Amino acid sequence: MMNTMTIGGQRVVIRFDPEIGMFRGKFVGLSGDADFYADSVTGLQREGETSLRVFLDMCAGRESTWCGVTRESSKSG
């Protein structure tokens, strides 16, 4: 069973990692990797927002096609 949530308009796949006792979220549909860990749903939401913001900030500093969003759209949110 695959659990998902949406953060910042982006789909996230959630899995539990029993080795560390935490949930791992991974954004799907981005051209680069953006993942995060938390021990609760609230934590996943918070960490996911941070991870997406960092990813988009990185995109803003590169060519506009690097991550599949334009510099303008990465600043809009």
PDB file of N, CA and C in Angstrom:
ATOM      1  N   MET A   1       0.837  -1.180   0.000  1.00  0.00           N
ATOM      2  CA  MET A   1       0.000   0.000   0.000  1.00  0.00           C
ATOM      3  C   MET A   1       0.887   1.250   0.000  1.00  0.00           C
ATOM      4  N   MET A   2       0.556   2.174  -0.874  1.00  0.00           N
ATOM      5  CA  MET A   2       1.324   3.400  -0.994  1.00  0.00           C
ATOM      6  C   MET A   2       0.481   4.555  -0.445  1.00  0.00           C
ATOM      7  N   ASN A   3       1.034   5.274   0.510  1.00  0.00           N
ATOM      8  CA  ASN A   3       0.357   6.444   1.054  1.00  0.00           C
ATOM      9  C   ASN A   3       0.900   7.687   0.380  1.00  0.00           C
ATOM     10  N   THR A   4       0.004   8.633   0.117  1.00  0.00           N
ATOM     11  CA  THR A   4       0.414   9.877  -0.521  1.00  0.00           C
ATOM     12  C   THR A   4      -0.200  11.072   0.197  1.00  0.00           C
ATOM     13  N   MET A   5       0.404  12.209  -0.012  1.00  0.00           N
ATOM     14  CA  MET A   5      -0.151  13.478   0.440  1.00  0.00           C
ATOM     15  C   MET A   5       0.286  14.538  -0.553  1.00  0.00           C
ATOM     16  N   THR A   6      -0.298  15.716  -0.463  1.00  0.00           N
ATOM     17  CA  THR A   6       0.066  16.822  -1.338  1.00  0.00           C
ATOM     18  C   THR A   6       0.625  17.949  -0.493  1.00  0.00           C
ATOM     19  N   ILE A   7       1.781  18.434  -0.895  1.00  0.00           N
ATOM     20  CA  ILE A   7       2.431  19.553  -0.204  1.00  0.00           C
ATOM     21  C   ILE A   7       2.815  20.576  -1.262  1.00  0.00           C
ATOM     22  N   GLY A   8       2.355  21.787  -1.088  1.00  0.00           N
ATOM     23  CA  GLY A   8       2.687  22.845  -2.048  1.00  0.00           C
ATOM     24  C   GLY A   8       2.239  22.528  -3.453  1.00  0.00           C
ATOM     25  N   GLY A   9       1.155  21.782  -3.584  1.00  0.00           N
ATOM     26  CA  GLY A   9       0.652  21.399  -4.900  1.00  0.00           C
ATOM     27  C   GLY A   9       1.394  20.238  -5.536  1.00  0.00           C
ATOM     28  N   GLN A  10       2.347  19.663  -4.826  1.00  0.00           N
ATOM     29  CA  GLN A  10       3.152  18.552  -5.356  1.00  0.00           C
ATOM     30  C   GLN A  10       2.796  17.254  -4.636  1.00  0.00           C
ATOM     31  N   ARG A  11       2.731  16.172  -5.391  1.00  0.00           N
ATOM     32  CA  ARG A  11       2.421  14.858  -4.822  1.00  0.00           C
ATOM     33  C   ARG A  11       3.643  14.292  -4.102  1.00  0.00           C
ATOM     34  N   VAL A  12       3.380  13.705  -2.930  1.00  0.00           N
ATOM     35  CA  VAL A  12       4.425  13.116  -2.102  1.00  0.00           C
ATOM     36  C   VAL A  12       4.049  11.677  -1.786  1.00  0.00           C
ATOM     37  N   VAL A  13       4.983  10.764  -1.948  1.00  0.00           N
ATOM     38  CA  VAL A  13       4.786   9.369  -1.553  1.00  0.00           C
ATOM     39  C   VAL A  13       5.388   9.208  -0.160  1.00  0.00           C
ATOM     40  N   ILE A  14       4.623   8.581   0.740  1.00  0.00           N
ATOM     41  CA  ILE A  14       5.039   8.405   2.125  1.00  0.00           C
ATOM     42  C   ILE A  14       5.253   6.923   2.409  1.00  0.00           C
ATOM     43  N   ARG A  15       6.373   6.609   3.015  1.00  0.00           N
ATOM     44  CA  ARG A  15       6.670   5.232   3.444  1.00  0.00           C
ATOM     45  C   ARG A  15       7.232   5.270   4.856  1.00  0.00           C
ATOM     46  N   PHE A  16       7.003   4.214   5.605  1.00  0.00           N
ATOM     47  CA  PHE A  16       7.560   4.115   6.947  1.00  0.00           C
ATOM     48  C   PHE A  16       8.863   3.340   6.873  1.00  0.00           C
ATOM     49  N   ASP A  17       9.907   3.859   7.502  1.00  0.00           N
ATOM     50  CA  ASP A  17      11.205   3.199   7.558  1.00  0.00           C
ATOM     51  C   ASP A  17      11.357   2.588   8.946  1.00  0.00           C
ATOM     52  N   PRO A  18      11.141   1.272   9.082  1.00  0.00           N
ATOM     53  CA  PRO A  18      11.186   0.647  10.403  1.00  0.00           C
ATOM     54  C   PRO A  18      12.573   0.654  11.037  1.00  0.00           C
ATOM     55  N   GLU A  19      13.609   0.762  10.227  1.00  0.00           N
ATOM     56  CA  GLU A  19      14.970   0.780  10.777  1.00  0.00           C
ATOM     57  C   GLU A  19      15.233   2.014  11.625  1.00  0.00           C
ATOM     58  N   ILE A  20      14.638   3.133  11.264  1.00  0.00           N
ATOM     59  CA  ILE A  20      14.854   4.364  12.022  1.00  0.00           C
ATOM     60  C   ILE A  20      13.587   4.831  12.739  1.00  0.00           C
ATOM     61  N   GLY A  21      12.480   4.145  12.503  1.00  0.00           N
ATOM     62  CA  GLY A  21      11.234   4.485  13.167  1.00  0.00           C
ATOM     63  C   GLY A  21      10.645   5.816  12.748  1.00  0.00           C
ATOM     64  N   MET A  22      10.851   6.178  11.473  1.00  0.00           N
ATOM     65  CA  MET A  22      10.344   7.456  10.970  1.00  0.00           C
ATOM     66  C   MET A  22       9.690   7.263   9.605  1.00  0.00           C
ATOM     67  N   PHE A  23       8.864   8.240   9.249  1.00  0.00           N
ATOM     68  CA  PHE A  23       8.258   8.266   7.926  1.00  0.00           C
ATOM     69  C   PHE A  23       9.175   9.018   6.976  1.00  0.00           C
ATOM     70  N   ARG A  24       9.216   8.540   5.728  1.00  0.00           N
ATOM     71  CA  ARG A  24       9.999   9.216   4.687  1.00  0.00           C
ATOM     72  C   ARG A  24       9.030   9.701   3.625  1.00  0.00           C
ATOM     73  N   GLY A  25       9.131  10.964   3.308  1.00  0.00           N
ATOM     74  CA  GLY A  25       8.341  11.528   2.218  1.00  0.00           C
ATOM     75  C   GLY A  25       9.246  11.815   1.046  1.00  0.00           C
ATOM     76  N   LYS A  26       8.753  11.530  -0.157  1.00  0.00           N
ATOM     77  CA  LYS A  26       9.537  11.810  -1.358  1.00  0.00           C
ATOM     78  C   LYS A  26       8.617  12.429  -2.404  1.00  0.00           C
ATOM     79  N   PHE A  27       9.005  13.600  -2.879  1.00  0.00           N
ATOM     80  CA  PHE A  27       8.231  14.261  -3.922  1.00  0.00           C
ATOM     81  C   PHE A  27       8.378  13.476  -5.216  1.00  0.00           C
ATOM     82  N   VAL A  28       7.283  13.304  -5.926  1.00  0.00           N
ATOM     83  CA  VAL A  28       7.309  12.652  -7.227  1.00  0.00           C
ATOM     84  C   VAL A  28       6.915  13.684  -8.276  1.00  0.00           C
ATOM     85  N   GLY A  29       7.492  13.561  -9.441  1.00  0.00           N
ATOM     86  CA  GLY A  29       7.174  14.485 -10.509  1.00  0.00           C
ATOM     87  C   GLY A  29       8.134  15.665 -10.613  1.00  0.00           C
ATOM     88  N   LEU A  30       9.064  15.783  -9.685  1.00  0.00           N
ATOM     89  CA  LEU A  30      10.094  16.806  -9.808  1.00  0.00           C
ATOM     90  C   LEU A  30      11.267  16.202 -10.570  1.00  0.00           C
ATOM     91  N   SER A  31      12.031  17.031 -11.250  1.00  0.00           N
ATOM     92  CA  SER A  31      13.141  16.489 -12.034  1.00  0.00           C
ATOM     93  C   SER A  31      14.362  16.179 -11.179  1.00  0.00           C
ATOM     94  N   GLY A  32      14.348  16.554  -9.929  1.00  0.00           N
ATOM     95  CA  GLY A  32      15.437  16.246  -9.005  1.00  0.00           C
ATOM     96  C   GLY A  32      14.873  15.586  -7.766  1.00  0.00           C
ATOM     97  N   ASP A  33      15.745  15.126  -6.898  1.00  0.00           N
ATOM     98  CA  ASP A  33      15.293  14.478  -5.667  1.00  0.00           C
ATOM     99  C   ASP A  33      15.002  15.513  -4.583  1.00  0.00           C
ATOM    100  N   ALA A  34      13.886  15.318  -3.931  1.00  0.00           N
ATOM    101  CA  ALA A  34      13.526  16.142  -2.774  1.00  0.00           C
ATOM    102  C   ALA A  34      12.792  15.218  -1.812  1.00  0.00           C
ATOM    103  N   ASP A  35      13.465  14.830  -0.745  1.00  0.00           N
ATOM    104  CA  ASP A  35      12.832  13.950   0.233  1.00  0.00           C
ATOM    105  C   ASP A  35      13.070  14.474   1.637  1.00  0.00           C
ATOM    106  N   PHE A  36      12.384  13.873   2.603  1.00  0.00           N
ATOM    107  CA  PHE A  36      12.435  14.370   3.976  1.00  0.00           C
ATOM    108  C   PHE A  36      11.933  13.286   4.913  1.00  0.00           C
ATOM    109  N   TYR A  37      12.242  13.425   6.194  1.00  0.00           N
ATOM    110  CA  TYR A  37      11.856  12.462   7.226  1.00  0.00           C
ATOM    111  C   TYR A  37      11.158  13.167   8.373  1.00  0.00           C
ATOM    112  N   ALA A  38      10.232  12.472   9.019  1.00  0.00           N
ATOM    113  CA  ALA A  38       9.564  12.988  10.211  1.00  0.00           C
ATOM    114  C   ALA A  38       8.927  11.828  10.955  1.00  0.00           C
ATOM    115  N   ASP A  39       8.582  12.079  12.220  1.00  0.00           N
ATOM    116  CA  ASP A  39       7.977  11.011  13.024  1.00  0.00           C
ATOM    117  C   ASP A  39       6.469  11.155  13.189  1.00  0.00           C
ATOM    118  N   SER A  40       5.865  12.115  12.474  1.00  0.00           N
ATOM    119  CA  SER A  40       4.418  12.325  12.565  1.00  0.00           C
ATOM    120  C   SER A  40       3.905  12.957  11.270  1.00  0.00           C
ATOM    121  N   VAL A  41       2.597  12.953  11.103  1.00  0.00           N
ATOM    122  CA  VAL A  41       1.996  13.582   9.926  1.00  0.00           C
ATOM    123  C   VAL A  41       2.247  15.090   9.959  1.00  0.00           C
ATOM    124  N   THR A  42       2.102  15.679  11.130  1.00  0.00           N
ATOM    125  CA  THR A  42       2.376  17.111  11.265  1.00  0.00           C
ATOM    126  C   THR A  42       3.819  17.414  10.899  1.00  0.00           C
ATOM    127  N   GLY A  43       4.727  16.574  11.360  1.00  0.00           N
ATOM    128  CA  GLY A  43       6.138  16.735  11.027  1.00  0.00           C
ATOM    129  C   GLY A  43       6.399  16.564   9.547  1.00  0.00           C
ATOM    130  N   LEU A  44       5.710  15.610   8.918  1.00  0.00           N
ATOM    131  CA  LEU A  44       5.861  15.415   7.472  1.00  0.00           C
ATOM    132  C   LEU A  44       5.450  16.671   6.711  1.00  0.00           C
ATOM    133  N   GLN A  45       4.342  17.264   7.112  1.00  0.00           N
ATOM    134  CA  GLN A  45       3.870  18.482   6.449  1.00  0.00           C
ATOM    135  C   GLN A  45       4.907  19.597   6.582  1.00  0.00           C
ATOM    136  N   ARG A  46       5.401  19.804   7.784  1.00  0.00           N
ATOM    137  CA  ARG A  46       6.375  20.871   8.050  1.00  0.00           C
ATOM    138  C   ARG A  46       7.689  20.613   7.301  1.00  0.00           C
ATOM    139  N   GLU A  47       8.216  19.400   7.428  1.00  0.00           N
ATOM    140  CA  GLU A  47       9.486  19.070   6.770  1.00  0.00           C
ATOM    141  C   GLU A  47       9.344  19.064   5.254  1.00  0.00           C
ATOM    142  N   GLY A  48       8.194  18.636   4.761  1.00  0.00           N
ATOM    143  CA  GLY A  48       7.945  18.637   3.318  1.00  0.00           C
ATOM    144  C   GLY A  48       7.921  20.040   2.746  1.00  0.00           C
ATOM    145  N   GLU A  49       7.281  20.955   3.466  1.00  0.00           N
ATOM    146  CA  GLU A  49       7.259  22.352   3.017  1.00  0.00           C
ATOM    147  C   GLU A  49       8.672  22.922   2.963  1.00  0.00           C
ATOM    148  N   THR A  50       9.473  22.599   3.955  1.00  0.00           N
ATOM    149  CA  THR A  50      10.865  23.069   3.976  1.00  0.00           C
ATOM    150  C   THR A  50      11.655  22.464   2.825  1.00  0.00           C
ATOM    151  N   SER A  51      11.503  21.152   2.621  1.00  0.00           N
ATOM    152  CA  SER A  51      12.233  20.470   1.554  1.00  0.00           C
ATOM    153  C   SER A  51      11.868  21.043   0.183  1.00  0.00           C
ATOM    154  N   LEU A  52      10.587  21.278  -0.046  1.00  0.00           N
ATOM    155  CA  LEU A  52      10.154  21.828  -1.328  1.00  0.00           C
ATOM    156  C   LEU A  52      10.689  23.247  -1.511  1.00  0.00           C
ATOM    157  N   ARG A  53      10.653  24.043  -0.469  1.00  0.00           N
ATOM    158  CA  ARG A  53      11.165  25.410  -0.552  1.00  0.00           C
ATOM    159  C   ARG A  53      12.651  25.409  -0.905  1.00  0.00           C
ATOM    160  N   VAL A  54      13.436  24.547  -0.262  1.00  0.00           N
ATOM    161  CA  VAL A  54      14.869  24.451  -0.558  1.00  0.00           C
ATOM    162  C   VAL A  54      15.081  24.014  -2.009  1.00  0.00           C
ATOM    163  N   PHE A  55      14.312  23.019  -2.453  1.00  0.00           N
ATOM    164  CA  PHE A  55      14.425  22.547  -3.827  1.00  0.00           C
ATOM    165  C   PHE A  55      14.139  23.684  -4.810  1.00  0.00           C
ATOM    166  N   LEU A  56      13.060  24.426  -4.573  1.00  0.00           N
ATOM    167  CA  LEU A  56      12.700  25.523  -5.481  1.00  0.00           C
ATOM    168  C   LEU A  56      13.723  26.651  -5.422  1.00  0.00           C
ATOM    169  N   ASP A  57      14.285  26.911  -4.254  1.00  0.00           N
ATOM    170  CA  ASP A  57      15.345  27.915  -4.150  1.00  0.00           C
ATOM    171  C   ASP A  57      16.556  27.499  -4.972  1.00  0.00           C
ATOM    172  N   MET A  58      16.884  26.214  -4.951  1.00  0.00           N
ATOM    173  CA  MET A  58      17.993  25.712  -5.768  1.00  0.00           C
ATOM    174  C   MET A  58      17.672  25.887  -7.250  1.00  0.00           C
ATOM    175  N   CYS A  59      16.441  25.644  -7.616  1.00  0.00           N
ATOM    176  CA  CYS A  59      16.032  25.803  -9.015  1.00  0.00           C
ATOM    177  C   CYS A  59      16.166  27.247  -9.470  1.00  0.00           C
ATOM    178  N   ALA A  60      15.837  28.166  -8.587  1.00  0.00           N
ATOM    179  CA  ALA A  60      15.886  29.577  -8.938  1.00  0.00           C
ATOM    180  C   ALA A  60      17.305  30.021  -9.273  1.00  0.00           C
ATOM    181  N   GLY A  61      18.293  29.329  -8.752  1.00  0.00           N
ATOM    182  CA  GLY A  61      19.683  29.692  -9.003  1.00  0.00           C
ATOM    183  C   GLY A  61      20.287  28.990 -10.206  1.00  0.00           C
ATOM    184  N   ARG A  62      19.490  28.200 -10.902  1.00  0.00           N
ATOM    185  CA  ARG A  62      19.999  27.450 -12.066  1.00  0.00           C
ATOM    186  C   ARG A  62      19.214  27.843 -13.307  1.00  0.00           C
ATOM    187  N   GLU A  63      19.570  27.220 -14.404  1.00  0.00           N
ATOM    188  CA  GLU A  63      18.805  27.437 -15.626  1.00  0.00           C
ATOM    189  C   GLU A  63      17.340  27.114 -15.361  1.00  0.00           C
ATOM    190  N   SER A  64      16.446  27.838 -15.962  1.00  0.00           N
ATOM    191  CA  SER A  64      15.027  27.730 -15.656  1.00  0.00           C
ATOM    192  C   SER A  64      14.447  26.348 -15.937  1.00  0.00           C
ATOM    193  N   THR A  65      15.061  25.567 -16.824  1.00  0.00           N
ATOM    194  CA  THR A  65      14.514  24.251 -17.139  1.00  0.00           C
ATOM    195  C   THR A  65      15.091  23.137 -16.265  1.00  0.00           C
ATOM    196  N   TRP A  66      16.045  23.455 -15.387  1.00  0.00           N
ATOM    197  CA  TRP A  66      16.712  22.411 -14.599  1.00  0.00           C
ATOM    198  C   TRP A  66      15.743  21.585 -13.785  1.00  0.00           C
ATOM    199  N   CYS A  67      14.778  22.204 -13.135  1.00  0.00           N
ATOM    200  CA  CYS A  67      13.882  21.439 -12.263  1.00  0.00           C
ATOM    201  C   CYS A  67      12.456  21.396 -12.781  1.00  0.00           C
ATOM    202  N   GLY A  68      12.234  21.855 -13.964  1.00  0.00           N
ATOM    203  CA  GLY A  68      10.890  21.779 -14.533  1.00  0.00           C
ATOM    204  C   GLY A  68       9.980  22.932 -14.146  1.00  0.00           C
ATOM    205  N   VAL A  69      10.502  23.938 -13.467  1.00  0.00           N
ATOM    206  CA  VAL A  69       9.726  25.132 -13.164  1.00  0.00           C
ATOM    207  C   VAL A  69      10.537  26.343 -13.593  1.00  0.00           C
ATOM    208  N   THR A  70       9.866  27.416 -13.894  1.00  0.00           N
ATOM    209  CA  THR A  70      10.587  28.622 -14.268  1.00  0.00           C
ATOM    210  C   THR A  70      10.983  29.376 -13.007  1.00  0.00           C
ATOM    211  N   ARG A  71      11.929  30.254 -13.150  1.00  0.00           N
ATOM    212  CA  ARG A  71      12.353  31.070 -12.005  1.00  0.00           C
ATOM    213  C   ARG A  71      11.191  31.866 -11.454  1.00  0.00           C
ATOM    214  N   GLU A  72      10.331  32.364 -12.330  1.00  0.00           N
ATOM    215  CA  GLU A  72       9.187  33.147 -11.881  1.00  0.00           C
ATOM    216  C   GLU A  72       8.231  32.300 -11.043  1.00  0.00           C
ATOM    217  N   SER A  73       7.931  31.081 -11.489  1.00  0.00           N
ATOM    218  CA  SER A  73       6.993  30.245 -10.747  1.00  0.00           C
ATOM    219  C   SER A  73       7.599  29.746  -9.447  1.00  0.00           C
ATOM    220  N   SER A  74       8.909  29.585  -9.389  1.00  0.00           N
ATOM    221  CA  SER A  74       9.523  29.129  -8.150  1.00  0.00           C
ATOM    222  C   SER A  74       9.515  30.209  -7.088  1.00  0.00           C
ATOM    223  N   LYS A  75       9.361  31.458  -7.485  1.00  0.00           N
ATOM    224  CA  LYS A  75       9.318  32.558  -6.530  1.00  0.00           C
ATOM    225  C   LYS A  75       7.898  32.869  -6.082  1.00  0.00           C
ATOM    226  N   SER A  76       6.924  32.238  -6.677  1.00  0.00           N
ATOM    227  CA  SER A  76       5.539  32.604  -6.409  1.00  0.00           C
ATOM    228  C   SER A  76       4.941  31.872  -5.221  1.00  0.00           C
ATOM    229  N   GLY A  77       5.735  31.194  -4.469  1.00  0.00           N
ATOM    230  CA  GLY A  77       5.074  30.483  -3.519  1.00  0.00           C
ATOM    231  C   GLY A  77       5.319  30.158  -2.220  1.00  0.00           C
TER     232      GLY A  77
END
